[in-house]
């Protein structure tokens, strides 16, 4: 089992380095007892970075995925065995911070966008996917709202200008289910999830999520939303965050 160091609270996502021990060495990869690397899932791409071994050897992490309760860090291919790469050895992990922070901004923006589409148009998100500098929402249909985006853009800009805080709480499953509230998303909560990690944007959204997020909406920065499109009977909305916000660390 791999402990996910980015999960406990919103500040944990801002950490960039960690130490861990190797627990398994499957072909081409490393399993650690703890990690800051986010594995691909929930529409969010994985983190990349490197693992450093005693003696100065550095190994590039080129993919991160879940394998049951463990997280597999896939390494760039090397022509020869690596001295010191062994079960029980301690490593130091370093996150590609620019990539991580971009995903944090994208994911928080997606939560807010899904919440506002639901609050204004009553339309829930079937699926969300993030990548590069943007993302895509697939919405339930039929789409009956106007296809122009200025009102939605103005609405989103108003929320970002308020710089509302984002928080993370871990709730026992039974406590969460007593008052789950209305959700803007249609993806069901897996039955084995307990506790439930709840991400909340103050006065805007509250939903279960295992991804990484920024502390406040003002950190998201400029954005662009394209007009909704209907393809094969499904409504899609794409968005872009064209410029990077200034990355920050916990104070």
Protein backbone atom coordinates (compact mmCIF):
# COMPACT_ATOMS: atom_id res chain seq x y z
CA UNK A 1 0.00 0.00 0.00
CA UNK A 2 1.26 3.47 -0.88
CA UNK A 3 0.46 6.43 1.38
CA UNK A 4 -0.73 9.39 -0.73
CA UNK A 5 0.96 12.44 0.75
CA UNK A 6 -1.03 14.97 -1.30
CA UNK A 7 -4.41 13.87 0.08
CA UNK A 8 -4.85 15.19 3.67
CA UNK A 9 -5.43 18.89 2.97
CA UNK A 10 -5.14 21.49 0.23
CA UNK A 11 -1.68 22.64 1.37
CA UNK A 12 -0.25 19.13 0.90
CA UNK A 13 -0.56 19.55 -2.89
CA UNK A 14 2.00 22.38 -2.75
CA UNK A 15 4.81 20.20 -1.40
CA UNK A 16 7.40 19.35 -4.03
CA UNK A 17 9.84 16.88 -2.43
CA UNK A 18 9.53 13.86 -0.15
CA UNK A 19 11.45 10.84 1.08
CA UNK A 20 10.21 7.26 0.87
CA UNK A 21 11.34 3.65 0.82
CA UNK A 22 11.08 1.22 -2.07
CA UNK A 23 8.65 -1.61 -1.33
CA UNK A 24 8.63 -3.38 -4.72
CA UNK A 25 10.45 -3.32 -8.06
CA UNK A 26 8.11 -4.56 -10.81
CA UNK A 27 9.62 -4.49 -14.33
CA UNK A 28 10.30 -0.90 -15.39
CA UNK A 29 8.93 0.67 -12.24
CA UNK A 30 9.15 1.40 -8.55
CA UNK A 31 6.55 1.09 -5.79
CA UNK A 32 7.10 3.29 -2.74
CA UNK A 33 5.65 3.21 0.76
CA UNK A 34 4.61 6.87 0.35
CA UNK A 35 4.46 9.35 -2.52
CA UNK A 36 3.60 12.89 -3.57
CA UNK A 37 3.22 11.82 -7.21
CA UNK A 38 -0.42 11.94 -8.34
CA UNK A 39 -1.33 8.81 -10.37
CA UNK A 40 -3.50 9.23 -13.46
CA UNK A 41 -7.18 9.14 -12.51
CA UNK A 42 -10.42 11.06 -12.28
CA UNK A 43 -9.67 12.86 -15.55
CA UNK A 44 -6.44 14.34 -14.16
CA UNK A 45 -3.07 13.35 -15.72
CA UNK A 46 -0.30 12.02 -13.52
CA UNK A 47 2.59 13.97 -12.06
CA UNK A 48 6.08 13.57 -13.49
CA UNK A 49 9.46 14.22 -11.90
CA UNK A 50 12.41 12.25 -10.62
CA UNK A 51 13.59 9.89 -7.91
CA UNK A 52 17.06 10.43 -6.41
CA UNK A 53 19.11 7.61 -4.89
CA UNK A 54 21.97 7.90 -2.41
CA UNK A 55 25.15 8.61 -4.30
CA UNK A 56 23.59 11.08 -6.68
CA UNK A 57 21.84 8.76 -9.15
CA UNK A 58 18.65 10.36 -10.51
CA UNK A 59 15.89 8.43 -12.26
CA UNK A 60 13.22 10.13 -14.38
CA UNK A 61 9.61 9.23 -13.57
CA UNK A 62 7.75 9.16 -16.89
CA UNK A 63 4.37 7.76 -15.79
CA UNK A 64 2.49 7.16 -12.53
CA UNK A 65 -0.52 4.86 -12.14
CA UNK A 66 -2.54 2.99 -9.53
CA UNK A 67 -2.20 -0.76 -9.10
CA UNK A 68 -4.74 -1.66 -6.45
CA UNK A 69 -3.66 0.05 -3.21
CA UNK A 70 -0.16 0.70 -4.58
CA UNK A 71 1.18 3.48 -6.81
CA UNK A 72 3.52 2.44 -9.61
CA UNK A 73 6.19 4.96 -10.68
CA UNK A 74 7.39 3.98 -14.15
CA UNK A 75 10.99 4.93 -14.89
CA UNK A 76 12.67 6.00 -18.10
CA UNK A 77 14.51 3.04 -19.65
CA UNK A 78 18.15 2.57 -18.80
CA UNK A 79 20.65 0.35 -20.57
CA UNK A 80 22.21 -1.02 -17.36
CA UNK A 81 21.10 -1.88 -13.81
CA UNK A 82 21.06 0.97 -11.30
CA UNK A 83 23.23 0.60 -8.21
CA UNK A 84 21.24 1.23 -5.05
CA UNK A 85 17.85 0.55 -6.63
CA UNK A 86 16.63 -2.14 -4.27
CA UNK A 87 13.70 -2.98 -2.03
CA UNK A 88 14.18 -1.17 1.28
CA UNK A 89 16.35 1.59 -0.18
CA UNK A 90 15.43 5.20 0.60
CA UNK A 91 14.74 7.60 -2.26
CA UNK A 92 14.00 11.28 -2.52
CA UNK A 93 11.20 12.23 -4.89
CA UNK A 94 10.88 15.58 -6.64
CA UNK A 95 7.72 16.68 -8.44
CA UNK A 96 7.72 18.57 -11.74
CA UNK A 97 6.14 21.60 -10.07
CA UNK A 98 5.13 23.47 -13.23
CA UNK A 99 3.10 20.46 -14.42
CA UNK A 100 1.61 19.84 -10.95
CA UNK A 101 0.54 23.46 -10.49
CA UNK A 102 -1.02 23.59 -13.94
CA UNK A 103 -3.10 20.51 -13.12
CA UNK A 104 -4.14 22.06 -9.79
CA UNK A 105 -5.39 25.17 -11.56
CA UNK A 106 -7.16 23.17 -14.28
CA UNK A 107 -8.86 20.82 -11.83
CA UNK A 108 -10.15 23.58 -9.58
CA UNK A 109 -11.41 25.53 -12.59
CA UNK A 110 -13.20 22.41 -13.82
CA UNK A 111 -14.94 21.98 -10.46
CA UNK A 112 -16.15 25.58 -10.54
CA UNK A 113 -17.24 25.38 -14.19
CA UNK A 114 -19.21 22.16 -13.56
CA UNK A 115 -20.81 23.75 -10.49
CA UNK A 116 -21.88 26.89 -12.34
CA UNK A 117 -23.25 24.97 -15.33
CA UNK A 118 -25.34 22.94 -12.90
CA UNK A 119 -26.45 25.93 -10.82
CA UNK A 120 -27.43 28.09 -13.82
CA UNK A 121 -28.57 25.53 -16.41
CA UNK A 122 -29.29 22.42 -14.30
CA UNK A 123 -26.83 20.44 -16.43
CA UNK A 124 -24.57 17.88 -14.77
CA UNK A 125 -21.11 16.77 -15.88
CA UNK A 126 -20.86 13.19 -17.14
CA UNK A 127 -17.10 13.21 -17.56
CA UNK A 128 -14.20 15.64 -17.28
CA UNK A 129 -10.71 15.29 -18.77
CA UNK A 130 -7.72 17.57 -18.31
CA UNK A 131 -4.48 17.85 -20.23
CA UNK A 132 -1.95 20.36 -21.50
CA UNK A 133 -3.33 23.83 -20.86
CA UNK A 134 -7.03 22.97 -20.96
CA UNK A 135 -9.83 20.55 -20.36
CA UNK A 136 -13.09 19.16 -21.67
CA UNK A 137 -16.46 18.59 -20.01
CA UNK A 138 -18.98 16.12 -21.37
CA UNK A 139 -22.43 17.15 -20.14
CA UNK A 140 -25.76 15.39 -19.88
CA UNK A 141 -28.15 16.39 -22.65
CA UNK A 142 -30.16 17.72 -24.25
CA UNK A 143 -28.60 21.19 -24.21
CA UNK A 144 -31.33 23.83 -23.95
CA UNK A 145 -29.24 26.80 -22.81
CA UNK A 146 -27.92 29.53 -25.15
CA UNK A 147 -24.79 28.56 -27.07
CA UNK A 148 -23.09 31.92 -26.58
CA UNK A 149 -20.54 32.01 -23.76
CA UNK A 150 -20.30 35.67 -22.55
CA UNK A 151 -22.80 35.20 -19.66
CA UNK A 152 -20.96 32.07 -18.50
CA UNK A 153 -17.59 33.77 -18.88
CA UNK A 154 -18.77 36.76 -16.87
CA UNK A 155 -20.18 34.48 -14.19
CA UNK A 156 -16.92 32.51 -13.89
CA UNK A 157 -14.81 35.68 -13.91
CA UNK A 158 -16.90 37.05 -11.06
CA UNK A 159 -16.20 33.98 -8.92
CA UNK A 160 -12.47 34.07 -9.67
CA UNK A 161 -12.34 37.76 -8.81
CA UNK A 162 -13.83 36.98 -5.38
CA UNK A 163 -10.81 34.74 -4.75
CA UNK A 164 -12.90 32.25 -2.76
CA UNK A 165 -10.99 29.69 -0.66
CA UNK A 166 -10.78 26.00 -1.52
CA UNK A 167 -10.64 23.40 1.26
CA UNK A 168 -10.25 19.64 1.63
CA UNK A 169 -11.85 17.49 4.32
CA UNK A 170 -11.75 13.75 4.96
CA UNK A 171 -15.16 12.54 6.16
CA UNK A 172 -16.23 9.06 7.29
CA UNK A 173 -18.42 7.56 4.56
CA UNK A 174 -21.44 7.35 6.86
CA UNK A 175 -21.11 11.03 7.81
CA UNK A 176 -20.81 12.11 4.18
CA UNK A 177 -23.84 10.07 3.12
CA UNK A 178 -26.03 11.67 5.81
CA UNK A 179 -25.74 14.96 3.95
CA UNK A 180 -24.09 14.58 0.53
CA UNK A 181 -25.83 17.59 -1.02
CA UNK A 182 -26.56 18.02 -4.72
CA UNK A 183 -23.63 17.18 -6.96
CA UNK A 184 -22.77 18.76 -10.29
CA UNK A 185 -21.20 15.49 -11.48
CA UNK A 186 -22.75 12.18 -12.46
CA UNK A 187 -19.76 9.91 -11.75
CA UNK A 188 -20.81 7.64 -8.86
CA UNK A 189 -18.72 7.44 -5.71
CA UNK A 190 -17.06 3.98 -5.62
CA UNK A 191 -18.49 1.82 -2.85
CA UNK A 192 -15.06 1.10 -1.33
CA UNK A 193 -14.19 4.79 -0.75
CA UNK A 194 -14.05 5.48 3.00
CA UNK A 195 -13.25 8.07 4.22
CA UNK A 196 -14.59 10.41 1.54
CA UNK A 197 -12.28 13.23 0.50
CA UNK A 198 -14.48 16.28 -0.01
CA UNK A 199 -13.20 19.30 -1.97
CA UNK A 200 -15.17 22.47 -1.28
CA UNK A 201 -15.09 25.85 -3.01
CA UNK A 202 -16.67 28.22 -0.52
CA UNK A 203 -20.23 29.19 -1.51
CA UNK A 204 -19.85 27.50 -4.91
CA UNK A 205 -19.24 23.73 -4.89
CA UNK A 206 -18.80 20.68 -2.68
CA UNK A 207 -17.96 17.28 -4.11
CA UNK A 208 -15.90 14.13 -3.47
CA UNK A 209 -12.57 14.22 -5.33
CA UNK A 210 -9.11 12.71 -5.02
CA UNK A 211 -7.28 15.29 -7.17
CA UNK A 212 -4.97 18.19 -6.41
CA UNK A 213 -6.32 21.75 -6.15
CA UNK A 214 -5.24 25.34 -5.55
CA UNK A 215 -5.94 27.11 -2.26
CA UNK A 216 -7.95 30.00 -3.70
CA UNK A 217 -9.77 30.72 -6.96
CA UNK A 218 -7.66 33.80 -7.68
CA UNK A 219 -4.68 31.52 -8.27
CA UNK A 220 -6.30 30.04 -11.39
CA UNK A 221 -5.55 33.05 -13.57
CA UNK A 222 -6.90 33.94 -17.06
CA UNK A 223 -9.17 31.51 -18.88
CA UNK A 224 -11.08 30.94 -22.09
CA UNK A 225 -14.31 28.96 -22.53
CA UNK A 226 -15.37 27.80 -25.99
CA UNK A 227 -19.05 27.66 -27.01
CA UNK A 228 -20.76 24.33 -26.21
CA UNK A 229 -20.81 21.81 -29.05
CA UNK A 230 -23.19 18.91 -29.61
CA UNK A 231 -21.41 15.85 -31.02
CA UNK A 232 -23.15 12.49 -31.44
CA UNK A 233 -25.90 13.67 -29.13
CA UNK A 234 -23.49 14.68 -26.37
CA UNK A 235 -22.75 18.21 -25.23
CA UNK A 236 -19.12 19.20 -24.83
CA UNK A 237 -17.57 22.33 -23.35
CA UNK A 238 -13.84 22.99 -23.64
CA UNK A 239 -11.76 25.51 -21.72
CA UNK A 240 -8.18 26.75 -21.66
CA UNK A 241 -5.96 28.43 -19.08
CA UNK A 242 -3.58 30.20 -21.49
CA UNK A 243 -1.14 31.71 -19.00
CA UNK A 244 0.49 30.25 -15.94
CA UNK A 245 -0.29 31.77 -12.57
CA UNK A 246 2.60 32.32 -10.17
CA UNK A 247 3.17 29.06 -8.28
CA UNK A 248 3.26 29.38 -4.51
CA UNK A 249 4.12 27.26 -1.50
CA UNK A 250 2.34 26.91 1.84
CA UNK A 251 3.07 29.78 4.21
